PDB file of N, CA and C in Angstrom:
ATOM      1  N   MET A   1      22.474 -42.195  23.083  1.00  0.00           N
ATOM      2  CA  MET A   1      22.093 -40.948  23.578  1.00  0.00           C
ATOM      3  C   MET A   1      20.811 -40.496  22.968  1.00  0.00           C
ATOM      4  N   ASN A   2      19.813 -39.999  23.723  1.00  0.00           N
ATOM      5  CA  ASN A   2      18.577 -39.610  23.170  1.00  0.00           C
ATOM      6  C   ASN A   2      18.600 -38.263  22.534  1.00  0.00           C
ATOM      7  N   SER A   3      18.046 -38.048  21.380  1.00  0.00           N
ATOM      8  CA  SER A   3      18.034 -36.803  20.650  1.00  0.00           C
ATOM      9  C   SER A   3      16.669 -36.303  20.511  1.00  0.00           C
ATOM     10  N   ASP A   4      16.552 -34.961  20.480  1.00  0.00           N
ATOM     11  CA  ASP A   4      15.197 -34.349  20.133  1.00  0.00           C
ATOM     12  C   ASP A   4      14.968 -34.229  18.777  1.00  0.00           C
ATOM     13  N   LEU A   5      16.016 -34.253  17.908  1.00  0.00           N
ATOM     14  CA  LEU A   5      15.991 -34.037  16.405  1.00  0.00           C
ATOM     15  C   LEU A   5      17.191 -34.706  15.806  1.00  0.00           C
ATOM     16  N   ILE A   6      16.990 -35.366  14.755  1.00  0.00           N
ATOM     17  CA  ILE A   6      18.111 -35.994  14.086  1.00  0.00           C
ATOM     18  C   ILE A   6      18.126 -35.449  12.687  1.00  0.00           C
ATOM     19  N   VAL A   7      19.315 -35.017  12.177  1.00  0.00           N
ATOM     20  CA  VAL A   7      19.591 -34.469  10.794  1.00  0.00           C
ATOM     21  C   VAL A   7      20.536 -35.613  10.135  1.00  0.00           C
ATOM     22  N   ASP A   8      19.981 -35.964   8.972  1.00  0.00           N
ATOM     23  CA  ASP A   8      20.792 -36.996   8.127  1.00  0.00           C
ATOM     24  C   ASP A   8      21.520 -36.122   7.086  1.00  0.00           C
ATOM     25  N   ALA A   9      22.850 -35.980   7.401  1.00  0.00           N
ATOM     26  CA  ALA A   9      23.702 -35.273   6.394  1.00  0.00           C
ATOM     27  C   ALA A   9      24.725 -36.229   5.635  1.00  0.00           C
ATOM     28  N   LYS A  10      24.269 -37.528   5.582  1.00  0.00           N
ATOM     29  CA  LYS A  10      25.205 -38.566   4.918  1.00  0.00           C
ATOM     30  C   LYS A  10      25.344 -38.095   3.497  1.00  0.00           C
ATOM     31  N   GLY A  11      26.561 -38.292   2.956  1.00  0.00           N
ATOM     32  CA  GLY A  11      26.843 -38.075   1.610  1.00  0.00           C
ATOM     33  C   GLY A  11      27.096 -36.602   1.191  1.00  0.00           C
ATOM     34  N   LEU A  12      26.904 -35.709   2.191  1.00  0.00           N
ATOM     35  CA  LEU A  12      27.148 -34.257   2.014  1.00  0.00           C
ATOM     36  C   LEU A  12      28.542 -33.855   2.491  1.00  0.00           C
ATOM     37  N   ASN A  13      29.095 -32.932   1.748  1.00  0.00           N
ATOM     38  CA  ASN A  13      30.422 -32.538   2.087  1.00  0.00           C
ATOM     39  C   ASN A  13      30.352 -31.058   2.542  1.00  0.00           C
ATOM     40  N   CYS A  14      31.403 -30.673   3.328  1.00  0.00           N
ATOM     41  CA  CYS A  14      31.511 -29.336   4.026  1.00  0.00           C
ATOM     42  C   CYS A  14      31.218 -28.283   2.950  1.00  0.00           C
ATOM     43  N   PRO A  15      30.412 -27.318   3.305  1.00  0.00           N
ATOM     44  CA  PRO A  15      29.823 -26.908   4.550  1.00  0.00           C
ATOM     45  C   PRO A  15      28.444 -27.420   4.862  1.00  0.00           C
ATOM     46  N   LEU A  16      27.906 -28.220   3.946  1.00  0.00           N
ATOM     47  CA  LEU A  16      26.474 -28.595   4.033  1.00  0.00           C
ATOM     48  C   LEU A  16      26.053 -29.251   5.371  1.00  0.00           C
ATOM     49  N   PRO A  17      26.852 -30.163   5.936  1.00  0.00           N
ATOM     50  CA  PRO A  17      26.408 -30.741   7.330  1.00  0.00           C
ATOM     51  C   PRO A  17      26.207 -29.677   8.395  1.00  0.00           C
ATOM     52  N   ILE A  18      27.260 -28.702   8.356  1.00  0.00           N
ATOM     53  CA  ILE A  18      27.182 -27.583   9.380  1.00  0.00           C
ATOM     54  C   ILE A  18      25.886 -26.715   9.137  1.00  0.00           C
ATOM     55  N   LEU A  19      25.636 -26.373   7.795  1.00  0.00           N
ATOM     56  CA  LEU A  19      24.548 -25.558   7.451  1.00  0.00           C
ATOM     57  C   LEU A  19      23.245 -26.191   7.861  1.00  0.00           C
ATOM     58  N   ARG A  20      23.135 -27.548   7.685  1.00  0.00           N
ATOM     59  CA  ARG A  20      21.839 -28.277   8.087  1.00  0.00           C
ATOM     60  C   ARG A  20      21.745 -28.254   9.525  1.00  0.00           C
ATOM     61  N   ALA A  21      22.868 -28.384  10.246  1.00  0.00           N
ATOM     62  CA  ALA A  21      22.786 -28.370  11.756  1.00  0.00           C
ATOM     63  C   ALA A  21      22.355 -26.957  12.147  1.00  0.00           C
ATOM     64  N   LYS A  22      22.936 -26.074  11.611  1.00  0.00           N
ATOM     65  CA  LYS A  22      22.646 -24.569  11.990  1.00  0.00           C
ATOM     66  C   LYS A  22      21.216 -24.273  11.859  1.00  0.00           C
ATOM     67  N   LYS A  23      20.655 -24.714  10.662  1.00  0.00           N
ATOM     68  CA  LYS A  23      19.189 -24.490  10.466  1.00  0.00           C
ATOM     69  C   LYS A  23      18.329 -25.277  11.417  1.00  0.00           C
ATOM     70  N   ALA A  24      18.714 -26.509  11.741  1.00  0.00           N
ATOM     71  CA  ALA A  24      17.889 -27.347  12.717  1.00  0.00           C
ATOM     72  C   ALA A  24      17.997 -26.658  14.146  1.00  0.00           C
ATOM     73  N   LEU A  25      19.114 -26.325  14.513  1.00  0.00           N
ATOM     74  CA  LEU A  25      19.257 -25.687  15.876  1.00  0.00           C
ATOM     75  C   LEU A  25      18.600 -24.445  16.017  1.00  0.00           C
ATOM     76  N   SER A  26      18.288 -23.601  14.874  1.00  0.00           N
ATOM     77  CA  SER A  26      17.630 -22.389  14.992  1.00  0.00           C
ATOM     78  C   SER A  26      16.105 -22.605  15.333  1.00  0.00           C
ATOM     79  N   GLY A  27      15.649 -23.724  15.032  1.00  0.00           N
ATOM     80  CA  GLY A  27      14.247 -24.108  15.265  1.00  0.00           C
ATOM     81  C   GLY A  27      14.040 -24.850  16.649  1.00  0.00           C
ATOM     82  N   MET A  28      15.126 -25.085  17.369  1.00  0.00           N
ATOM     83  CA  MET A  28      15.086 -25.829  18.564  1.00  0.00           C
ATOM     84  C   MET A  28      15.064 -24.915  19.821  1.00  0.00           C
ATOM     85  N   GLN A  29      14.602 -25.449  20.946  1.00  0.00           N
ATOM     86  CA  GLN A  29      14.622 -24.647  22.216  1.00  0.00           C
ATOM     87  C   GLN A  29      15.842 -24.974  22.944  1.00  0.00           C
ATOM     88  N   SER A  30      16.333 -23.988  23.793  1.00  0.00           N
ATOM     89  CA  SER A  30      17.493 -24.155  24.635  1.00  0.00           C
ATOM     90  C   SER A  30      17.432 -25.461  25.478  1.00  0.00           C
ATOM     91  N   GLY A  31      18.575 -26.109  25.357  1.00  0.00           N
ATOM     92  CA  GLY A  31      18.636 -27.430  26.137  1.00  0.00           C
ATOM     93  C   GLY A  31      18.325 -28.704  25.405  1.00  0.00           C
ATOM     94  N   GLN A  32      17.724 -28.442  24.256  1.00  0.00           N
ATOM     95  CA  GLN A  32      17.453 -29.710  23.415  1.00  0.00           C
ATOM     96  C   GLN A  32      18.550 -30.168  22.747  1.00  0.00           C
ATOM     97  N   ILE A  33      18.540 -31.525  22.332  1.00  0.00           N
ATOM     98  CA  ILE A  33      19.729 -32.245  21.781  1.00  0.00           C
ATOM     99  C   ILE A  33      19.381 -32.520  20.279  1.00  0.00           C
ATOM    100  N   LEU A  34      20.451 -32.030  19.480  1.00  0.00           N
ATOM    101  CA  LEU A  34      20.387 -32.340  18.031  1.00  0.00           C
ATOM    102  C   LEU A  34      21.479 -33.437  17.726  1.00  0.00           C
ATOM    103  N   GLU A  35      21.104 -34.382  17.007  1.00  0.00           N
ATOM    104  CA  GLU A  35      22.109 -35.470  16.401  1.00  0.00           C
ATOM    105  C   GLU A  35      22.250 -35.278  14.925  1.00  0.00           C
ATOM    106  N   VAL A  36      23.411 -35.228  14.510  1.00  0.00           N
ATOM    107  CA  VAL A  36      23.779 -35.024  13.068  1.00  0.00           C
ATOM    108  C   VAL A  36      24.487 -36.324  12.653  1.00  0.00           C
ATOM    109  N   ILE A  37      24.066 -36.936  11.670  1.00  0.00           N
ATOM    110  CA  ILE A  37      24.791 -38.143  11.092  1.00  0.00           C
ATOM    111  C   ILE A  37      25.454 -37.696   9.720  1.00  0.00           C
ATOM    112  N   ALA A  38      26.786 -37.733   9.688  1.00  0.00           N
ATOM    113  CA  ALA A  38      27.441 -37.266   8.545  1.00  0.00           C
ATOM    114  C   ALA A  38      28.426 -38.341   8.188  1.00  0.00           C
ATOM    115  N   THR A  39      28.974 -38.211   6.907  1.00  0.00           N
ATOM    116  CA  THR A  39      29.947 -39.146   6.399  1.00  0.00           C
ATOM    117  C   THR A  39      31.225 -38.442   6.026  1.00  0.00           C
ATOM    118  N   ASP A  40      31.182 -37.207   5.881  1.00  0.00           N
ATOM    119  CA  ASP A  40      32.294 -36.271   5.529  1.00  0.00           C
ATOM    120  C   ASP A  40      33.408 -36.440   6.622  1.00  0.00           C
ATOM    121  N   PRO A  41      34.575 -36.908   6.437  1.00  0.00           N
ATOM    122  CA  PRO A  41      35.645 -37.047   7.423  1.00  0.00           C
ATOM    123  C   PRO A  41      35.978 -35.763   8.236  1.00  0.00           C
ATOM    124  N   SER A  42      35.908 -34.631   7.442  1.00  0.00           N
ATOM    125  CA  SER A  42      36.260 -33.430   8.157  1.00  0.00           C
ATOM    126  C   SER A  42      35.187 -32.797   8.977  1.00  0.00           C
ATOM    127  N   SER A  43      33.966 -33.590   9.037  1.00  0.00           N
ATOM    128  CA  SER A  43      32.913 -33.106   9.903  1.00  0.00           C
ATOM    129  C   SER A  43      33.233 -33.206  11.496  1.00  0.00           C
ATOM    130  N   GLU A  44      34.132 -34.125  11.726  1.00  0.00           N
ATOM    131  CA  GLU A  44      34.478 -34.282  13.206  1.00  0.00           C
ATOM    132  C   GLU A  44      35.113 -32.927  13.668  1.00  0.00           C
ATOM    133  N   ARG A  45      36.106 -32.410  12.992  1.00  0.00           N
ATOM    134  CA  ARG A  45      36.761 -31.114  13.374  1.00  0.00           C
ATOM    135  C   ARG A  45      35.809 -29.927  13.125  1.00  0.00           C
ATOM    136  N   ASP A  46      35.029 -29.985  11.983  1.00  0.00           N
ATOM    137  CA  ASP A  46      34.022 -28.961  11.690  1.00  0.00           C
ATOM    138  C   ASP A  46      33.056 -28.725  12.854  1.00  0.00           C
ATOM    139  N   PHE A  47      32.511 -29.710  13.410  1.00  0.00           N
ATOM    140  CA  PHE A  47      31.484 -29.595  14.437  1.00  0.00           C
ATOM    141  C   PHE A  47      32.156 -29.160  15.830  1.00  0.00           C
ATOM    142  N   GLN A  48      33.354 -29.542  15.839  1.00  0.00           N
ATOM    143  CA  GLN A  48      34.090 -28.993  17.108  1.00  0.00           C
ATOM    144  C   GLN A  48      34.221 -27.437  17.078  1.00  0.00           C
ATOM    145  N   ASP A  49      34.716 -27.021  15.939  1.00  0.00           N
ATOM    146  CA  ASP A  49      34.843 -25.639  15.707  1.00  0.00           C
ATOM    147  C   ASP A  49      33.530 -24.942  15.729  1.00  0.00           C
ATOM    148  N   PHE A  50      32.461 -25.393  15.095  1.00  0.00           N
ATOM    149  CA  PHE A  50      31.188 -24.815  14.974  1.00  0.00           C
ATOM    150  C   PHE A  50      30.606 -24.670  16.488  1.00  0.00           C
ATOM    151  N   CYS A  51      30.646 -25.608  17.238  1.00  0.00           N
ATOM    152  CA  CYS A  51      30.224 -25.487  18.637  1.00  0.00           C
ATOM    153  C   CYS A  51      30.981 -24.509  19.439  1.00  0.00           C
ATOM    154  N   ARG A  52      32.215 -24.456  19.346  1.00  0.00           N
ATOM    155  CA  ARG A  52      33.125 -23.547  20.011  1.00  0.00           C
ATOM    156  C   ARG A  52      32.721 -22.095  19.600  1.00  0.00           C
ATOM    157  N   GLN A  53      32.431 -21.888  18.330  1.00  0.00           N
ATOM    158  CA  GLN A  53      32.155 -20.506  17.904  1.00  0.00           C
ATOM    159  C   GLN A  53      30.727 -20.081  18.092  1.00  0.00           C
ATOM    160  N   THR A  54      29.772 -21.101  18.237  1.00  0.00           N
ATOM    161  CA  THR A  54      28.441 -20.734  18.426  1.00  0.00           C
ATOM    162  C   THR A  54      27.944 -20.765  19.808  1.00  0.00           C
ATOM    163  N   GLY A  55      28.679 -21.381  20.749  1.00  0.00           N
ATOM    164  CA  GLY A  55      28.271 -21.462  22.115  1.00  0.00           C
ATOM    165  C   GLY A  55      27.425 -22.697  22.373  1.00  0.00           C
ATOM    166  N   ASN A  56      27.135 -23.514  21.383  1.00  0.00           N
ATOM    167  CA  ASN A  56      26.333 -24.731  21.535  1.00  0.00           C
ATOM    168  C   ASN A  56      27.318 -25.733  22.184  1.00  0.00           C
ATOM    169  N   THR A  57      26.787 -26.757  22.942  1.00  0.00           N
ATOM    170  CA  THR A  57      27.752 -27.721  23.597  1.00  0.00           C
ATOM    171  C   THR A  57      27.865 -28.943  22.851  1.00  0.00           C
ATOM    172  N   LEU A  58      28.995 -29.396  22.344  1.00  0.00           N
ATOM    173  CA  LEU A  58      29.162 -30.664  21.592  1.00  0.00           C
ATOM    174  C   LEU A  58      29.287 -31.681  22.727  1.00  0.00           C
ATOM    175  N   LEU A  59      28.335 -32.558  22.868  1.00  0.00           N
ATOM    176  CA  LEU A  59      28.122 -33.590  23.869  1.00  0.00           C
ATOM    177  C   LEU A  59      29.032 -34.777  23.560  1.00  0.00           C
ATOM    178  N   GLN A  60      28.974 -35.284  22.328  1.00  0.00           N
ATOM    179  CA  GLN A  60      29.625 -36.508  21.984  1.00  0.00           C
ATOM    180  C   GLN A  60      29.804 -36.538  20.440  1.00  0.00           C
ATOM    181  N   GLN A  61      30.908 -37.271  20.043  1.00  0.00           N
ATOM    182  CA  GLN A  61      31.138 -37.588  18.675  1.00  0.00           C
ATOM    183  C   GLN A  61      31.479 -39.065  18.600  1.00  0.00           C
ATOM    184  N   GLU A  62      30.894 -39.842  17.694  1.00  0.00           N
ATOM    185  CA  GLU A  62      31.102 -41.236  17.640  1.00  0.00           C
ATOM    186  C   GLU A  62      31.244 -41.672  16.155  1.00  0.00           C
ATOM    187  N   LYS A  63      32.329 -42.392  15.912  1.00  0.00           N
ATOM    188  CA  LYS A  63      32.536 -42.965  14.589  1.00  0.00           C
ATOM    189  C   LYS A  63      32.122 -44.327  14.576  1.00  0.00           C
ATOM    190  N   ASN A  64      31.432 -44.768  13.349  1.00  0.00           N
ATOM    191  CA  ASN A  64      30.973 -46.116  13.245  1.00  0.00           C
ATOM    192  C   ASN A  64      31.061 -46.400  11.662  1.00  0.00           C
ATOM    193  N   GLY A  65      32.146 -47.012  11.274  1.00  0.00           N
ATOM    194  CA  GLY A  65      32.316 -47.180   9.885  1.00  0.00           C
ATOM    195  C   GLY A  65      32.492 -45.740   9.252  1.00  0.00           C
ATOM    196  N   PRO A  66      31.739 -45.609   8.179  1.00  0.00           N
ATOM    197  CA  PRO A  66      31.898 -44.300   7.359  1.00  0.00           C
ATOM    198  C   PRO A  66      31.095 -43.139   8.008  1.00  0.00           C
ATOM    199  N   GLU A  67      30.230 -43.553   9.014  1.00  0.00           N
ATOM    200  CA  GLU A  67      29.307 -42.518   9.591  1.00  0.00           C
ATOM    201  C   GLU A  67      30.020 -41.908  10.897  1.00  0.00           C
ATOM    202  N   ILE A  68      29.739 -40.641  11.054  1.00  0.00           N
ATOM    203  CA  ILE A  68      30.202 -39.991  12.275  1.00  0.00           C
ATOM    204  C   ILE A  68      28.911 -39.299  12.857  1.00  0.00           C
ATOM    205  N   ARG A  69      28.592 -39.618  14.045  1.00  0.00           N
ATOM    206  CA  ARG A  69      27.415 -38.975  14.735  1.00  0.00           C
ATOM    207  C   ARG A  69      27.889 -37.912  15.663  1.00  0.00           C
ATOM    208  N   HIS A  70      27.248 -36.788  15.588  1.00  0.00           N
ATOM    209  CA  HIS A  70      27.573 -35.643  16.489  1.00  0.00           C
ATOM    210  C   HIS A  70      26.333 -35.228  17.288  1.00  0.00           C
ATOM    211  N   TRP A  71      26.497 -35.202  18.581  1.00  0.00           N
ATOM    212  CA  TRP A  71      25.409 -34.809  19.398  1.00  0.00           C
ATOM    213  C   TRP A  71      25.703 -33.361  20.080  1.00  0.00           C
ATOM    214  N   MET A  72      24.768 -32.466  19.825  1.00  0.00           N
ATOM    215  CA  MET A  72      24.922 -31.081  20.287  1.00  0.00           C
ATOM    216  C   MET A  72      23.745 -30.683  21.184  1.00  0.00           C
ATOM    217  N   LYS A  73      24.096 -29.912  22.290  1.00  0.00           N
ATOM    218  CA  LYS A  73      22.932 -29.341  23.094  1.00  0.00           C
ATOM    219  C   LYS A  73      22.778 -27.906  22.614  1.00  0.00           C
ATOM    220  N   ARG A  74      21.713 -27.490  22.426  1.00  0.00           N
ATOM    221  CA  ARG A  74      21.291 -26.056  21.990  1.00  0.00           C
ATOM    222  C   ARG A  74      21.463 -25.154  23.228  1.00  0.00           C
ATOM    223  N   ARG A  75      22.201 -24.089  22.838  1.00  0.00           N
ATOM    224  CA  ARG A  75      22.492 -23.139  23.911  1.00  0.00           C
ATOM    225  C   ARG A  75      21.321 -22.345  24.350  1.00  0.00           C
TER     226      ARG A  75
END
């Protein structure tokens, strides 16, 4: 999936991946896609909750070894 911006949150634990994503999304235009790469196992559920609460669209989540990639569309 093509991303307009990628945030590397590997090695960071909750809530830092969400905070980095929130900061990145605030500088993006509506419809742009943010990709966050995280290693915190709880980030999968955290990003589902974050998108539901903020109105951004969670497009996809993909696990590959310890990395979890999250793609979100800015509302």
